[in-house]
Amino acid sequence: MNAESRQELPVSEKYMLTIKEAASYFNIGTKKMRRIAEDNLGNIAVYCGNRFLIIRPKFEDFILNSSEI
């Protein structure tokens, strides 16, 4: 598969985001995002290989239900 046929999805359409993508999308620092992922593993984040992946819809609900981050 060449580079022309491979198209990246916009971050707003992805189901799971990396720490960097989520930090940029939600305007939260990467260190804080990693801490949130570690504390809520299994709820809003999963550990895949050697990285955390944030489940975007669940994280959006988490933010809506939180009074502070």
PDB file of N, CA and C in Angstrom:
ATOM      1  N   MET A   1       0.853  -1.179   0.000  1.00  0.00           N
ATOM      2  CA  MET A   1       0.000   0.000   0.000  1.00  0.00           C
ATOM      3  C   MET A   1       0.897   1.239   0.000  1.00  0.00           C
ATOM      4  N   ASN A   2       0.705   2.120  -0.958  1.00  0.00           N
ATOM      5  CA  ASN A   2       1.549   3.302  -1.051  1.00  0.00           C
ATOM      6  C   ASN A   2       0.968   4.453  -0.226  1.00  0.00           C
ATOM      7  N   ALA A   3       1.741   5.504  -0.094  1.00  0.00           N
ATOM      8  CA  ALA A   3       1.347   6.634   0.753  1.00  0.00           C
ATOM      9  C   ALA A   3       0.135   7.382   0.207  1.00  0.00           C
ATOM     10  N   GLU A   4      -0.053   7.371  -1.112  1.00  0.00           N
ATOM     11  CA  GLU A   4      -1.173   8.094  -1.697  1.00  0.00           C
ATOM     12  C   GLU A   4      -2.513   7.427  -1.388  1.00  0.00           C
ATOM     13  N   SER A   5      -2.546   6.101  -1.330  1.00  0.00           N
ATOM     14  CA  SER A   5      -3.812   5.408  -1.090  1.00  0.00           C
ATOM     15  C   SER A   5      -4.165   5.349   0.398  1.00  0.00           C
ATOM     16  N   ARG A   6      -3.195   5.579   1.267  1.00  0.00           N
ATOM     17  CA  ARG A   6      -3.442   5.549   2.713  1.00  0.00           C
ATOM     18  C   ARG A   6      -3.862   6.938   3.177  1.00  0.00           C
ATOM     19  N   GLN A   7      -5.069   7.030   3.714  1.00  0.00           N
ATOM     20  CA  GLN A   7      -5.565   8.318   4.178  1.00  0.00           C
ATOM     21  C   GLN A   7      -5.778   8.257   5.678  1.00  0.00           C
ATOM     22  N   GLU A   8      -5.298   9.263   6.387  1.00  0.00           N
ATOM     23  CA  GLU A   8      -5.460   9.350   7.830  1.00  0.00           C
ATOM     24  C   GLU A   8      -6.836   9.899   8.163  1.00  0.00           C
ATOM     25  N   LEU A   9      -7.451   9.325   9.182  1.00  0.00           N
ATOM     26  CA  LEU A   9      -8.708   9.863   9.682  1.00  0.00           C
ATOM     27  C   LEU A   9      -8.429  11.107  10.506  1.00  0.00           C
ATOM     28  N   PRO A  10      -9.319  12.081  10.474  1.00  0.00           N
ATOM     29  CA  PRO A  10      -9.158  13.219  11.381  1.00  0.00           C
ATOM     30  C   PRO A  10      -9.308  12.737  12.824  1.00  0.00           C
ATOM     31  N   VAL A  11      -8.662  13.412  13.744  1.00  0.00           N
ATOM     32  CA  VAL A  11      -8.698  13.017  15.151  1.00  0.00           C
ATOM     33  C   VAL A  11     -10.125  12.995  15.677  1.00  0.00           C
ATOM     34  N   SER A  12     -10.965  13.894  15.199  1.00  0.00           N
ATOM     35  CA  SER A  12     -12.348  13.959  15.675  1.00  0.00           C
ATOM     36  C   SER A  12     -13.175  12.736  15.269  1.00  0.00           C
ATOM     37  N   GLU A  13     -12.700  11.948  14.303  1.00  0.00           N
ATOM     38  CA  GLU A  13     -13.425  10.765  13.858  1.00  0.00           C
ATOM     39  C   GLU A  13     -12.832   9.464  14.389  1.00  0.00           C
ATOM     40  N   LYS A  14     -11.670   9.533  15.037  1.00  0.00           N
ATOM     41  CA  LYS A  14     -11.035   8.329  15.567  1.00  0.00           C
ATOM     42  C   LYS A  14     -11.725   7.906  16.854  1.00  0.00           C
ATOM     43  N   TYR A  15     -11.801   6.598  17.086  1.00  0.00           N
ATOM     44  CA  TYR A  15     -12.398   6.067  18.304  1.00  0.00           C
ATOM     45  C   TYR A  15     -11.383   6.081  19.445  1.00  0.00           C
ATOM     46  N   MET A  16     -10.129   5.745  19.139  1.00  0.00           N
ATOM     47  CA  MET A  16      -9.074   5.725  20.146  1.00  0.00           C
ATOM     48  C   MET A  16      -7.957   6.667  19.734  1.00  0.00           C
ATOM     49  N   LEU A  17      -7.426   7.382  20.725  1.00  0.00           N
ATOM     50  CA  LEU A  17      -6.390   8.374  20.472  1.00  0.00           C
ATOM     51  C   LEU A  17      -5.147   8.056  21.287  1.00  0.00           C
ATOM     52  N   THR A  18      -3.988   8.393  20.753  1.00  0.00           N
ATOM     53  CA  THR A  18      -2.769   8.291  21.536  1.00  0.00           C
ATOM     54  C   THR A  18      -2.755   9.424  22.558  1.00  0.00           C
ATOM     55  N   ILE A  19      -1.801   9.364  23.471  1.00  0.00           N
ATOM     56  CA  ILE A  19      -1.691  10.412  24.495  1.00  0.00           C
ATOM     57  C   ILE A  19      -1.474  11.775  23.837  1.00  0.00           C
ATOM     58  N   LYS A  20      -0.595  11.844  22.854  1.00  0.00           N
ATOM     59  CA  LYS A  20      -0.312  13.121  22.183  1.00  0.00           C
ATOM     60  C   LYS A  20      -1.534  13.649  21.437  1.00  0.00           C
ATOM     61  N   GLU A  21      -2.229  12.764  20.725  1.00  0.00           N
ATOM     62  CA  GLU A  21      -3.429  13.187  19.997  1.00  0.00           C
ATOM     63  C   GLU A  21      -4.504  13.677  20.959  1.00  0.00           C
ATOM     64  N   ALA A  22      -4.721  12.935  22.043  1.00  0.00           N
ATOM     65  CA  ALA A  22      -5.748  13.321  23.018  1.00  0.00           C
ATOM     66  C   ALA A  22      -5.384  14.622  23.713  1.00  0.00           C
ATOM     67  N   ALA A  23      -4.120  14.796  24.060  1.00  0.00           N
ATOM     68  CA  ALA A  23      -3.693  16.026  24.722  1.00  0.00           C
ATOM     69  C   ALA A  23      -3.915  17.230  23.813  1.00  0.00           C
ATOM     70  N   SER A  24      -3.599  17.080  22.557  1.00  0.00           N
ATOM     71  CA  SER A  24      -3.801  18.160  21.601  1.00  0.00           C
ATOM     72  C   SER A  24      -5.284  18.425  21.367  1.00  0.00           C
ATOM     73  N   TYR A  25      -6.064  17.367  21.203  1.00  0.00           N
ATOM     74  CA  TYR A  25      -7.497  17.491  20.914  1.00  0.00           C
ATOM     75  C   TYR A  25      -8.268  18.116  22.069  1.00  0.00           C
ATOM     76  N   PHE A  26      -7.958  17.696  23.300  1.00  0.00           N
ATOM     77  CA  PHE A  26      -8.679  18.193  24.470  1.00  0.00           C
ATOM     78  C   PHE A  26      -7.982  19.361  25.161  1.00  0.00           C
ATOM     79  N   ASN A  27      -6.856  19.806  24.620  1.00  0.00           N
ATOM     80  CA  ASN A  27      -6.107  20.942  25.156  1.00  0.00           C
ATOM     81  C   ASN A  27      -5.694  20.709  26.614  1.00  0.00           C
ATOM     82  N   ILE A  28      -5.129  19.528  26.854  1.00  0.00           N
ATOM     83  CA  ILE A  28      -4.612  19.129  28.163  1.00  0.00           C
ATOM     84  C   ILE A  28      -3.159  18.730  27.950  1.00  0.00           C
ATOM     85  N   GLY A  29      -2.315  18.973  28.916  1.00  0.00           N
ATOM     86  CA  GLY A  29      -0.909  18.601  28.795  1.00  0.00           C
ATOM     87  C   GLY A  29      -0.716  17.095  28.697  1.00  0.00           C
ATOM     88  N   THR A  30       0.382  16.676  28.075  1.00  0.00           N
ATOM     89  CA  THR A  30       0.635  15.254  27.888  1.00  0.00           C
ATOM     90  C   THR A  30       0.884  14.546  29.218  1.00  0.00           C
ATOM     91  N   LYS A  31       1.557  15.218  30.163  1.00  0.00           N
ATOM     92  CA  LYS A  31       1.798  14.596  31.466  1.00  0.00           C
ATOM     93  C   LYS A  31       0.493  14.374  32.215  1.00  0.00           C
ATOM     94  N   LYS A  32      -0.386  15.349  32.182  1.00  0.00           N
ATOM     95  CA  LYS A  32      -1.681  15.228  32.846  1.00  0.00           C
ATOM     96  C   LYS A  32      -2.528  14.158  32.164  1.00  0.00           C
ATOM     97  N   MET A  33      -2.485  14.103  30.845  1.00  0.00           N
ATOM     98  CA  MET A  33      -3.247  13.098  30.101  1.00  0.00           C
ATOM     99  C   MET A  33      -2.753  11.696  30.438  1.00  0.00           C
ATOM    100  N   ARG A  34      -1.441  11.507  30.546  1.00  0.00           N
ATOM    101  CA  ARG A  34      -0.881  10.209  30.909  1.00  0.00           C
ATOM    102  C   ARG A  34      -1.301   9.828  32.325  1.00  0.00           C
ATOM    103  N   ARG A  35      -1.296  10.787  33.243  1.00  0.00           N
ATOM    104  CA  ARG A  35      -1.714  10.526  34.624  1.00  0.00           C
ATOM    105  C   ARG A  35      -3.186  10.108  34.681  1.00  0.00           C
ATOM    106  N   ILE A  36      -4.035  10.793  33.930  1.00  0.00           N
ATOM    107  CA  ILE A  36      -5.460  10.445  33.872  1.00  0.00           C
ATOM    108  C   ILE A  36      -5.629   9.040  33.301  1.00  0.00           C
ATOM    109  N   ALA A  37      -4.875   8.711  32.256  1.00  0.00           N
ATOM    110  CA  ALA A  37      -4.957   7.383  31.639  1.00  0.00           C
ATOM    111  C   ALA A  37      -4.523   6.297  32.620  1.00  0.00           C
ATOM    112  N   GLU A  38      -3.439   6.537  33.355  1.00  0.00           N
ATOM    113  CA  GLU A  38      -2.955   5.555  34.330  1.00  0.00           C
ATOM    114  C   GLU A  38      -3.969   5.346  35.452  1.00  0.00           C
ATOM    115  N   ASP A  39      -4.584   6.424  35.921  1.00  0.00           N
ATOM    116  CA  ASP A  39      -5.543   6.341  37.029  1.00  0.00           C
ATOM    117  C   ASP A  39      -6.877   5.736  36.610  1.00  0.00           C
ATOM    118  N   ASN A  40      -7.217   5.810  35.344  1.00  0.00           N
ATOM    119  CA  ASN A  40      -8.513   5.327  34.855  1.00  0.00           C
ATOM    120  C   ASN A  40      -8.361   4.222  33.821  1.00  0.00           C
ATOM    121  N   LEU A  41      -7.340   3.406  33.987  1.00  0.00           N
ATOM    122  CA  LEU A  41      -7.082   2.311  33.061  1.00  0.00           C
ATOM    123  C   LEU A  41      -8.252   1.329  33.093  1.00  0.00           C
ATOM    124  N   GLY A  42      -8.783   1.015  31.941  1.00  0.00           N
ATOM    125  CA  GLY A  42      -9.927   0.126  31.838  1.00  0.00           C
ATOM    126  C   GLY A  42     -11.240   0.871  31.688  1.00  0.00           C
ATOM    127  N   ASN A  43     -11.300   2.118  32.165  1.00  0.00           N
ATOM    128  CA  ASN A  43     -12.510   2.928  32.031  1.00  0.00           C
ATOM    129  C   ASN A  43     -12.455   3.808  30.790  1.00  0.00           C
ATOM    130  N   ILE A  44     -11.449   4.655  30.737  1.00  0.00           N
ATOM    131  CA  ILE A  44     -11.331   5.576  29.602  1.00  0.00           C
ATOM    132  C   ILE A  44     -10.076   5.332  28.788  1.00  0.00           C
ATOM    133  N   ALA A  45      -9.225   4.416  29.254  1.00  0.00           N
ATOM    134  CA  ALA A  45      -7.962   4.160  28.562  1.00  0.00           C
ATOM    135  C   ALA A  45      -7.659   2.671  28.582  1.00  0.00           C
ATOM    136  N   VAL A  46      -6.906   2.236  27.590  1.00  0.00           N
ATOM    137  CA  VAL A  46      -6.406   0.871  27.531  1.00  0.00           C
ATOM    138  C   VAL A  46      -4.906   0.932  27.273  1.00  0.00           C
ATOM    139  N   TYR A  47      -4.212  -0.101  27.689  1.00  0.00           N
ATOM    140  CA  TYR A  47      -2.774  -0.192  27.464  1.00  0.00           C
ATOM    141  C   TYR A  47      -2.557  -1.189  26.343  1.00  0.00           C
ATOM    142  N   CYS A  48      -2.037  -0.727  25.229  1.00  0.00           N
ATOM    143  CA  CYS A  48      -1.854  -1.559  24.048  1.00  0.00           C
ATOM    144  C   CYS A  48      -0.366  -1.595  23.692  1.00  0.00           C
ATOM    145  N   GLY A  49       0.263  -2.738  23.917  1.00  0.00           N
ATOM    146  CA  GLY A  49       1.686  -2.851  23.625  1.00  0.00           C
ATOM    147  C   GLY A  49       2.496  -2.051  24.616  1.00  0.00           C
ATOM    148  N   ASN A  50       3.042  -0.938  24.163  1.00  0.00           N
ATOM    149  CA  ASN A  50       3.833  -0.085  25.038  1.00  0.00           C
ATOM    150  C   ASN A  50       3.262   1.327  25.133  1.00  0.00           C
ATOM    151  N   ARG A  51       1.986   1.485  24.834  1.00  0.00           N
ATOM    152  CA  ARG A  51       1.390   2.827  24.870  1.00  0.00           C
ATOM    153  C   ARG A  51      -0.035   2.794  25.382  1.00  0.00           C
ATOM    154  N   PHE A  52      -0.448   3.923  25.918  1.00  0.00           N
ATOM    155  CA  PHE A  52      -1.827   4.095  26.336  1.00  0.00           C
ATOM    156  C   PHE A  52      -2.642   4.606  25.159  1.00  0.00           C
ATOM    157  N   LEU A  53      -3.860   4.125  25.041  1.00  0.00           N
ATOM    158  CA  LEU A  53      -4.802   4.647  24.055  1.00  0.00           C
ATOM    159  C   LEU A  53      -6.027   5.139  24.808  1.00  0.00           C
ATOM    160  N   ILE A  54      -6.443   6.350  24.505  1.00  0.00           N
ATOM    161  CA  ILE A  54      -7.594   6.982  25.143  1.00  0.00           C
ATOM    162  C   ILE A  54      -8.830   6.685  24.297  1.00  0.00           C
ATOM    163  N   ILE A  55      -9.886   6.201  24.929  1.00  0.00           N
ATOM    164  CA  ILE A  55     -11.149   5.964  24.231  1.00  0.00           C
ATOM    165  C   ILE A  55     -11.900   7.294  24.206  1.00  0.00           C
ATOM    166  N   ARG A  56     -11.921   7.927  23.036  1.00  0.00           N
ATOM    167  CA  ARG A  56     -12.418   9.296  22.911  1.00  0.00           C
ATOM    168  C   ARG A  56     -13.839   9.505  23.427  1.00  0.00           C
ATOM    169  N   PRO A  57     -14.847   8.699  23.030  1.00  0.00           N
ATOM    170  CA  PRO A  57     -16.205   8.947  23.534  1.00  0.00           C
ATOM    171  C   PRO A  57     -16.309   8.813  25.057  1.00  0.00           C
ATOM    172  N   LYS A  58     -15.601   7.844  25.628  1.00  0.00           N
ATOM    173  CA  LYS A  58     -15.638   7.670  27.079  1.00  0.00           C
ATOM    174  C   LYS A  58     -14.920   8.816  27.783  1.00  0.00           C
ATOM    175  N   PHE A  59     -13.842   9.311  27.193  1.00  0.00           N
ATOM    176  CA  PHE A  59     -13.133  10.438  27.796  1.00  0.00           C
ATOM    177  C   PHE A  59     -13.981  11.705  27.727  1.00  0.00           C
ATOM    178  N   GLU A  60     -14.726  11.879  26.651  1.00  0.00           N
ATOM    179  CA  GLU A  60     -15.627  13.032  26.559  1.00  0.00           C
ATOM    180  C   GLU A  60     -16.671  12.982  27.665  1.00  0.00           C
ATOM    181  N   ASP A  61     -17.248  11.802  27.928  1.00  0.00           N
ATOM    182  CA  ASP A  61     -18.189  11.648  29.033  1.00  0.00           C
ATOM    183  C   ASP A  61     -17.521  11.903  30.377  1.00  0.00           C
ATOM    184  N   PHE A  62     -16.280  11.426  30.521  1.00  0.00           N
ATOM    185  CA  PHE A  62     -15.512  11.625  31.749  1.00  0.00           C
ATOM    186  C   PHE A  62     -15.326  13.119  32.025  1.00  0.00           C
ATOM    187  N   ILE A  63     -15.018  13.883  30.997  1.00  0.00           N
ATOM    188  CA  ILE A  63     -14.812  15.325  31.163  1.00  0.00           C
ATOM    189  C   ILE A  63     -16.142  16.011  31.512  1.00  0.00           C
ATOM    190  N   LEU A  64     -17.223  15.607  30.860  1.00  0.00           N
ATOM    191  CA  LEU A  64     -18.525  16.221  31.136  1.00  0.00           C
ATOM    192  C   LEU A  64     -18.979  15.966  32.575  1.00  0.00           C
ATOM    193  N   ASN A  65     -18.626  14.817  33.142  1.00  0.00           N
ATOM    194  CA  ASN A  65     -19.041  14.462  34.491  1.00  0.00           C
ATOM    195  C   ASN A  65     -18.046  14.876  35.571  1.00  0.00           C
ATOM    196  N   SER A  66     -16.928  15.475  35.185  1.00  0.00           N
ATOM    197  CA  SER A  66     -15.905  15.891  36.158  1.00  0.00           C
ATOM    198  C   SER A  66     -16.020  17.380  36.431  1.00  0.00           C
ATOM    199  N   SER A  67     -15.886  17.737  37.689  1.00  0.00           N
ATOM    200  CA  SER A  67     -15.899  19.149  38.040  1.00  0.00           C
ATOM    201  C   SER A  67     -14.524  19.776  37.859  1.00  0.00           C
ATOM    202  N   GLU A  68     -13.478  18.961  37.951  1.00  0.00           N
ATOM    203  CA  GLU A  68     -12.120  19.439  37.688  1.00  0.00           C
ATOM    204  C   GLU A  68     -11.270  18.283  37.190  1.00  0.00           C
ATOM    205  N   ILE A  69     -10.210  18.631  36.506  1.00  0.00           N
ATOM    206  CA  ILE A  69      -9.316  17.590  35.966  1.00  0.00           C
ATOM    207  C   ILE A  69      -7.988  17.697  36.666  1.00  0.00           C
TER     208      ILE A  69
END
